Amino acid sequence: MNNYSKEELEEGLKSIKSTIGKCEKAILKLKENSAQHTLLSRRIKAFHSSVNLIETEMSYLINSFMVDDKMLR
């Protein structure tokens, strides 16, 4: 994975979560089993996967920082 700062990850996470909310509102207006509904449903799942990956990377950054901080003491 590329090296992103904590701030960049937080900004991306906020943006993706906002998009998930918008998609979840939009999917309610679509006919179930339509192509648009299926596409949006899959897109929401992909966004949730993205959130999980970003949160994992953020926890890795935090843990790495804590380890580095302890080594400096």
Protein backbone atom coordinates (compact mmCIF):
# COMPACT_ATOMS: atom_id res chain seq x y z
CA MET A 1 0.00 0.00 0.00
CA ASN A 2 1.19 3.54 -0.63
CA ASN A 3 2.32 5.61 2.30
CA TYR A 4 -0.48 8.00 3.16
CA SER A 5 -0.51 10.36 6.10
CA LYS A 6 -3.03 9.94 8.88
CA GLU A 7 -4.74 13.13 7.70
CA GLU A 8 -5.06 11.83 4.13
CA LEU A 9 -6.55 8.57 5.39
CA GLU A 10 -9.00 10.43 7.65
CA GLU A 11 -10.07 12.66 4.76
CA GLY A 12 -10.56 9.67 2.46
CA LEU A 13 -12.50 7.80 5.14
CA LYS A 14 -14.81 10.77 5.68
CA SER A 15 -15.42 11.07 1.95
CA ILE A 16 -16.14 7.37 1.46
CA LYS A 17 -18.49 7.25 4.45
CA SER A 18 -20.36 10.24 3.04
CA THR A 19 -20.66 8.50 -0.32
CA ILE A 20 -21.94 5.32 1.37
CA GLY A 21 -24.68 7.35 3.04
CA LYS A 22 -25.71 8.92 -0.25
CA CYS A 23 -25.73 5.54 -1.99
CA GLU A 24 -27.82 3.99 0.78
CA LYS A 25 -30.40 6.75 0.37
CA ALA A 26 -30.40 6.40 -3.42
CA ILE A 27 -30.79 2.62 -3.41
CA LEU A 28 -34.15 2.96 -1.65
CA LYS A 29 -35.51 4.69 -4.76
CA LEU A 30 -34.44 1.92 -7.14
CA LYS A 31 -36.47 -1.10 -8.11
CA GLU A 32 -35.10 -4.22 -6.44
CA ASN A 33 -33.37 -6.65 -8.83
CA SER A 34 -32.91 -3.93 -11.44
CA ALA A 35 -29.47 -3.46 -12.96
CA GLN A 36 -29.10 -0.10 -11.22
CA HIS A 37 -30.02 -1.61 -7.84
CA THR A 38 -27.54 -4.46 -8.27
CA LEU A 39 -24.77 -2.09 -9.36
CA LEU A 40 -25.35 0.27 -6.45
CA SER A 41 -25.58 -2.61 -3.99
CA ARG A 42 -22.22 -3.94 -5.17
CA ARG A 43 -20.75 -0.45 -5.07
CA ILE A 44 -21.85 -0.03 -1.45
CA LYS A 45 -20.18 -3.34 -0.55
CA ALA A 46 -16.98 -2.16 -2.25
CA PHE A 47 -17.08 1.12 -0.33
CA HIS A 48 -17.49 -0.79 2.94
CA SER A 49 -14.43 -2.87 2.01
CA SER A 50 -12.55 0.36 1.36
CA VAL A 51 -13.53 1.67 4.79
CA ASN A 52 -12.22 -1.52 6.41
CA LEU A 53 -8.92 -1.27 4.55
CA ILE A 54 -8.44 2.38 5.47
CA GLU A 55 -9.29 1.73 9.12
CA THR A 56 -6.81 -1.16 9.17
CA GLU A 57 -4.11 1.07 7.71
CA MET A 58 -4.91 3.80 10.23
CA SER A 59 -4.62 1.38 13.15
CA TYR A 60 -1.32 0.16 11.73
CA LEU A 61 -0.06 3.75 11.59
CA ILE A 62 -1.17 4.42 15.16
CA ASN A 63 0.42 1.20 16.45
CA SER A 64 3.64 1.92 14.54
CA PHE A 65 3.74 5.41 16.01
CA MET A 66 3.23 4.02 19.52
CA VAL A 67 6.05 1.49 19.05
CA ASP A 68 8.38 4.14 17.62
CA ASP A 69 7.51 6.49 20.48
CA LYS A 70 8.35 3.82 23.08
CA MET A 71 11.68 3.12 21.38
CA LEU A 72 12.62 6.80 21.61
CA ARG A 73 12.16 6.84 25.38
